[in-house]
Each structure stands twice: as structure tokens, then as C-alpha cells.
Amino acid sequence: YEIPEEYIPSTESEENAYELTAQLLVRKGRGSQLRNRASKILTAEDFDAVDVPYSSENELLSLVLWHLDDVQVLAPSALRDSVIKSLKNVVMNHG
């Protein structure tokens, strides 16, 4: 396949790939997947404040839930509410 000479690659999708940022608390020594995505990390004693850019709430929700109690969502409130709702569903369905 030959790329046409007049083709101009678009960087728009790359630039807008992460439209939102979540503010999380991540336990020291945990959450490497979240830390690798972080745009900002402020270290503290037990938990670090981590800003994680994202475009898919469902993808980030899954990642947060995977880390159990090693991650706390500070913002946005919609993501925090989704985490709480998911955990309540687990308790309802599995006791």
C-alpha cells in the first residue's frame, strides 16, 4: 500500500485522547498502572495524590476497581459515584 502524497496525518485524535482528569489517592508502592498514566504525582506519607488523564470512564472505573482499597477517587464525583455504585452491586450480588 502506498500513502497518497496529499495525505496529511491528523494528530487531533492523539491530542484529544484524554479529555478528563481524575484525582486519585494511590497507596504507596501500589497502582503502577495508574502511576504510569499519571500527569502529576504528589507524594505523601501513606497515599500519593495522582492525577490521571482519561477518556473512557468505564476503562478507568475498571482499573480503579482492580486496585481494591489501594485507590481512592477524589474527583470527578461522577467517577467516585460509579465506584461506589459498583461496589454496592458487588455486595448485593455476592454478600
N, C-alpha and C. Protein backbone atom coordinates (compact mmCIF):
# COMPACT_ATOMS: atom_id res chain seq x y z
N TYR A 1 0.84 -1.18 0.00
CA TYR A 1 0.00 0.00 0.00
C TYR A 1 0.87 1.23 0.00
N GLU A 2 0.55 2.19 -0.87
CA GLU A 2 1.28 3.45 -0.93
C GLU A 2 0.42 4.56 -0.37
N ILE A 3 1.02 5.37 0.47
CA ILE A 3 0.30 6.50 1.06
C ILE A 3 0.28 7.63 0.04
N PRO A 4 -0.92 8.17 -0.23
CA PRO A 4 -1.02 9.26 -1.21
C PRO A 4 -0.21 10.47 -0.76
N GLU A 5 0.38 11.19 -1.69
CA GLU A 5 1.21 12.35 -1.38
C GLU A 5 0.43 13.45 -0.68
N GLU A 6 -0.84 13.59 -1.00
CA GLU A 6 -1.64 14.67 -0.42
C GLU A 6 -2.18 14.35 0.98
N TYR A 7 -1.92 13.14 1.45
CA TYR A 7 -2.39 12.73 2.77
C TYR A 7 -1.68 13.51 3.87
N ILE A 8 -2.46 14.09 4.78
CA ILE A 8 -1.91 14.80 5.94
C ILE A 8 -2.40 14.08 7.18
N PRO A 9 -1.48 13.47 7.94
CA PRO A 9 -1.92 12.74 9.13
C PRO A 9 -2.52 13.69 10.16
N SER A 10 -3.56 13.24 10.78
CA SER A 10 -4.24 14.03 11.79
C SER A 10 -3.70 13.67 13.17
N THR A 11 -3.38 14.68 13.94
CA THR A 11 -2.95 14.46 15.33
C THR A 11 -4.07 14.80 16.29
N GLU A 12 -5.22 15.17 15.75
CA GLU A 12 -6.34 15.58 16.60
C GLU A 12 -6.75 14.49 17.57
N SER A 13 -6.84 13.25 17.11
CA SER A 13 -7.28 12.17 18.00
C SER A 13 -6.27 11.94 19.12
N GLU A 14 -4.98 12.11 18.83
CA GLU A 14 -3.97 11.95 19.86
C GLU A 14 -4.03 13.07 20.88
N GLU A 15 -4.24 14.29 20.41
CA GLU A 15 -4.28 15.44 21.30
C GLU A 15 -5.50 15.41 22.21
N ASN A 16 -6.61 14.92 21.71
CA ASN A 16 -7.85 14.91 22.48
C ASN A 16 -8.14 13.55 23.09
N ALA A 17 -7.16 12.67 23.08
CA ALA A 17 -7.40 11.32 23.57
C ALA A 17 -7.79 11.32 25.04
N TYR A 18 -7.23 12.23 25.82
CA TYR A 18 -7.54 12.31 27.24
C TYR A 18 -8.17 13.66 27.53
N GLU A 19 -9.48 13.67 27.63
CA GLU A 19 -10.20 14.92 27.82
C GLU A 19 -10.46 15.23 29.28
N LEU A 20 -10.41 14.21 30.14
CA LEU A 20 -10.74 14.39 31.55
C LEU A 20 -9.56 13.98 32.41
N THR A 21 -9.56 14.45 33.64
CA THR A 21 -8.53 14.06 34.59
C THR A 21 -9.18 13.65 35.90
N ALA A 22 -8.76 12.51 36.41
CA ALA A 22 -9.25 12.03 37.70
C ALA A 22 -8.18 12.33 38.75
N GLN A 23 -8.64 12.76 39.91
CA GLN A 23 -7.74 12.95 41.05
C GLN A 23 -7.93 11.75 41.97
N LEU A 24 -6.85 11.04 42.19
CA LEU A 24 -6.90 9.80 42.96
C LEU A 24 -5.89 9.85 44.11
N LEU A 25 -6.16 9.05 45.13
CA LEU A 25 -5.17 8.76 46.15
C LEU A 25 -4.75 7.31 45.93
N VAL A 26 -3.46 7.09 45.77
CA VAL A 26 -2.94 5.75 45.49
C VAL A 26 -1.95 5.38 46.59
N ARG A 27 -2.18 4.22 47.20
CA ARG A 27 -1.32 3.76 48.29
C ARG A 27 0.14 3.64 47.81
N LYS A 28 1.05 4.02 48.67
CA LYS A 28 2.48 3.90 48.38
C LYS A 28 2.82 2.48 47.92
N GLY A 29 3.61 2.36 46.87
CA GLY A 29 4.05 1.06 46.38
C GLY A 29 3.00 0.29 45.62
N ARG A 30 1.87 0.89 45.35
CA ARG A 30 0.77 0.23 44.62
C ARG A 30 0.36 1.06 43.41
N GLY A 31 -0.50 0.47 42.58
CA GLY A 31 -1.12 1.19 41.47
C GLY A 31 -0.17 1.61 40.37
N SER A 32 0.74 0.73 39.99
CA SER A 32 1.71 1.10 38.96
C SER A 32 1.04 1.45 37.63
N GLN A 33 -0.07 0.78 37.30
CA GLN A 33 -0.77 1.09 36.05
C GLN A 33 -1.30 2.52 36.07
N LEU A 34 -1.82 2.94 37.21
CA LEU A 34 -2.32 4.30 37.35
C LEU A 34 -1.17 5.31 37.37
N ARG A 35 -0.11 4.96 38.06
CA ARG A 35 1.05 5.86 38.13
C ARG A 35 1.69 6.05 36.75
N ASN A 36 1.71 5.00 35.93
CA ASN A 36 2.28 5.10 34.59
C ASN A 36 1.49 6.05 33.71
N ARG A 37 0.21 6.18 33.96
CA ARG A 37 -0.65 7.08 33.19
C ARG A 37 -0.69 8.49 33.75
N ALA A 38 -0.15 8.69 34.93
CA ALA A 38 -0.31 9.94 35.67
C ALA A 38 0.34 11.12 34.96
N SER A 39 -0.34 12.26 35.04
CA SER A 39 0.23 13.51 34.56
C SER A 39 0.87 14.26 35.71
N LYS A 40 0.54 13.85 36.94
CA LYS A 40 1.08 14.53 38.11
C LYS A 40 0.99 13.59 39.31
N ILE A 41 2.06 13.54 40.11
CA ILE A 41 2.07 12.73 41.32
C ILE A 41 2.66 13.58 42.44
N LEU A 42 1.90 13.71 43.52
CA LEU A 42 2.38 14.41 44.71
C LEU A 42 2.52 13.37 45.81
N THR A 43 3.73 13.18 46.27
CA THR A 43 3.97 12.15 47.27
C THR A 43 3.53 12.61 48.65
N ALA A 44 3.08 11.65 49.43
CA ALA A 44 2.66 11.88 50.80
C ALA A 44 3.06 10.66 51.62
N GLU A 45 2.56 10.58 52.85
CA GLU A 45 3.01 9.51 53.74
C GLU A 45 2.50 8.13 53.35
N ASP A 46 1.19 7.91 53.38
CA ASP A 46 0.62 6.59 53.07
C ASP A 46 0.08 6.49 51.65
N PHE A 47 -0.52 7.56 51.17
CA PHE A 47 -1.11 7.63 49.84
C PHE A 47 -0.52 8.80 49.09
N ASP A 48 -0.29 8.63 47.78
CA ASP A 48 0.15 9.72 46.92
C ASP A 48 -1.05 10.27 46.18
N ALA A 49 -1.08 11.57 45.96
CA ALA A 49 -2.12 12.20 45.13
C ALA A 49 -1.68 12.07 43.68
N VAL A 50 -2.53 11.47 42.87
CA VAL A 50 -2.18 11.15 41.49
C VAL A 50 -3.26 11.69 40.56
N ASP A 51 -2.87 12.48 39.58
CA ASP A 51 -3.79 12.95 38.54
C ASP A 51 -3.64 12.05 37.33
N VAL A 52 -4.76 11.45 36.91
CA VAL A 52 -4.73 10.50 35.80
C VAL A 52 -5.66 10.99 34.68
N PRO A 53 -5.10 11.37 33.53
CA PRO A 53 -5.93 11.72 32.38
C PRO A 53 -6.62 10.48 31.83
N TYR A 54 -7.87 10.66 31.37
CA TYR A 54 -8.59 9.53 30.79
C TYR A 54 -9.65 10.03 29.82
N SER A 55 -10.08 9.14 28.95
CA SER A 55 -11.16 9.47 28.01
C SER A 55 -12.35 8.55 28.21
N SER A 56 -12.13 7.39 28.79
CA SER A 56 -13.21 6.42 29.00
C SER A 56 -13.41 6.19 30.50
N GLU A 57 -14.56 6.63 31.00
CA GLU A 57 -14.85 6.42 32.42
C GLU A 57 -14.91 4.93 32.75
N ASN A 58 -15.48 4.14 31.85
CA ASN A 58 -15.59 2.70 32.11
C ASN A 58 -14.22 2.04 32.23
N GLU A 59 -13.29 2.45 31.38
CA GLU A 59 -11.94 1.89 31.44
C GLU A 59 -11.25 2.26 32.75
N LEU A 60 -11.35 3.54 33.14
CA LEU A 60 -10.72 3.96 34.39
C LEU A 60 -11.42 3.35 35.59
N LEU A 61 -12.74 3.22 35.53
CA LEU A 61 -13.50 2.58 36.61
C LEU A 61 -13.00 1.16 36.83
N SER A 62 -12.83 0.41 35.77
CA SER A 62 -12.32 -0.96 35.88
C SER A 62 -10.94 -0.99 36.50
N LEU A 63 -10.10 -0.07 36.10
CA LEU A 63 -8.75 -0.02 36.63
C LEU A 63 -8.74 0.34 38.12
N VAL A 64 -9.58 1.28 38.51
CA VAL A 64 -9.69 1.65 39.92
C VAL A 64 -10.21 0.48 40.74
N LEU A 65 -11.25 -0.18 40.26
CA LEU A 65 -11.82 -1.31 41.00
C LEU A 65 -10.82 -2.46 41.11
N TRP A 66 -10.00 -2.65 40.10
CA TRP A 66 -8.99 -3.71 40.12
C TRP A 66 -8.03 -3.53 41.30
N HIS A 67 -7.77 -2.28 41.67
CA HIS A 67 -6.80 -1.99 42.72
C HIS A 67 -7.41 -2.00 44.13
N LEU A 68 -8.68 -2.36 44.22
CA LEU A 68 -9.35 -2.51 45.52
C LEU A 68 -9.16 -1.28 46.40
N ASP A 69 -8.76 -1.49 47.65
CA ASP A 69 -8.66 -0.36 48.58
C ASP A 69 -7.32 0.37 48.52
N ASP A 70 -6.53 0.09 47.50
CA ASP A 70 -5.28 0.81 47.29
C ASP A 70 -5.49 2.13 46.56
N VAL A 71 -6.72 2.38 46.10
CA VAL A 71 -7.03 3.59 45.35
C VAL A 71 -8.32 4.20 45.89
N GLN A 72 -8.30 5.51 46.05
CA GLN A 72 -9.50 6.27 46.41
C GLN A 72 -9.70 7.35 45.36
N VAL A 73 -10.94 7.53 44.91
CA VAL A 73 -11.25 8.55 43.92
C VAL A 73 -11.68 9.82 44.65
N LEU A 74 -10.96 10.90 44.39
CA LEU A 74 -11.33 12.20 44.95
C LEU A 74 -12.24 12.97 43.99
N ALA A 75 -11.92 12.92 42.71
CA ALA A 75 -12.70 13.64 41.70
C ALA A 75 -12.43 12.97 40.35
N PRO A 76 -13.33 13.08 39.43
CA PRO A 76 -14.61 13.77 39.49
C PRO A 76 -15.64 12.96 40.30
N SER A 77 -16.66 13.64 40.75
CA SER A 77 -17.66 12.99 41.59
C SER A 77 -18.42 11.89 40.83
N ALA A 78 -18.58 12.06 39.52
CA ALA A 78 -19.28 11.03 38.74
C ALA A 78 -18.51 9.71 38.76
N LEU A 79 -17.19 9.78 38.67
CA LEU A 79 -16.37 8.56 38.73
C LEU A 79 -16.44 7.96 40.13
N ARG A 80 -16.34 8.80 41.15
CA ARG A 80 -16.43 8.32 42.54
C ARG A 80 -17.77 7.64 42.77
N ASP A 81 -18.86 8.25 42.27
CA ASP A 81 -20.19 7.66 42.41
C ASP A 81 -20.29 6.32 41.68
N SER A 82 -19.64 6.20 40.53
CA SER A 82 -19.64 4.94 39.79
C SER A 82 -18.90 3.84 40.56
N VAL A 83 -17.81 4.21 41.21
CA VAL A 83 -17.06 3.24 42.03
C VAL A 83 -17.95 2.76 43.18
N ILE A 84 -18.59 3.68 43.87
CA ILE A 84 -19.46 3.33 45.00
C ILE A 84 -20.60 2.44 44.53
N LYS A 85 -21.23 2.80 43.42
CA LYS A 85 -22.34 2.01 42.89
C LYS A 85 -21.87 0.59 42.53
N SER A 86 -20.72 0.48 41.90
CA SER A 86 -20.19 -0.84 41.52
C SER A 86 -19.91 -1.69 42.74
N LEU A 87 -19.34 -1.08 43.77
CA LEU A 87 -19.04 -1.83 44.99
C LEU A 87 -20.32 -2.27 45.71
N LYS A 88 -21.32 -1.41 45.70
CA LYS A 88 -22.61 -1.79 46.31
C LYS A 88 -23.24 -2.96 45.55
N ASN A 89 -23.12 -2.95 44.22
CA ASN A 89 -23.64 -4.06 43.42
C ASN A 89 -22.92 -5.37 43.73
N VAL A 90 -21.62 -5.29 43.94
CA VAL A 90 -20.86 -6.50 44.30
C VAL A 90 -21.36 -7.03 45.62
N VAL A 91 -21.56 -6.17 46.60
CA VAL A 91 -22.03 -6.59 47.92
C VAL A 91 -23.42 -7.20 47.81
N MET A 92 -24.31 -6.55 47.04
CA MET A 92 -25.68 -7.07 46.87
C MET A 92 -25.68 -8.46 46.23
N ASN A 93 -24.85 -8.63 45.23
CA ASN A 93 -24.85 -9.88 44.47
C ASN A 93 -24.04 -11.00 45.10
N HIS A 94 -23.06 -10.64 45.91
CA HIS A 94 -22.15 -11.66 46.44
C HIS A 94 -22.03 -11.65 47.95
N GLY A 95 -22.72 -10.71 48.59
CA GLY A 95 -22.71 -10.64 50.06
C GLY A 95 -21.45 -10.23 50.55
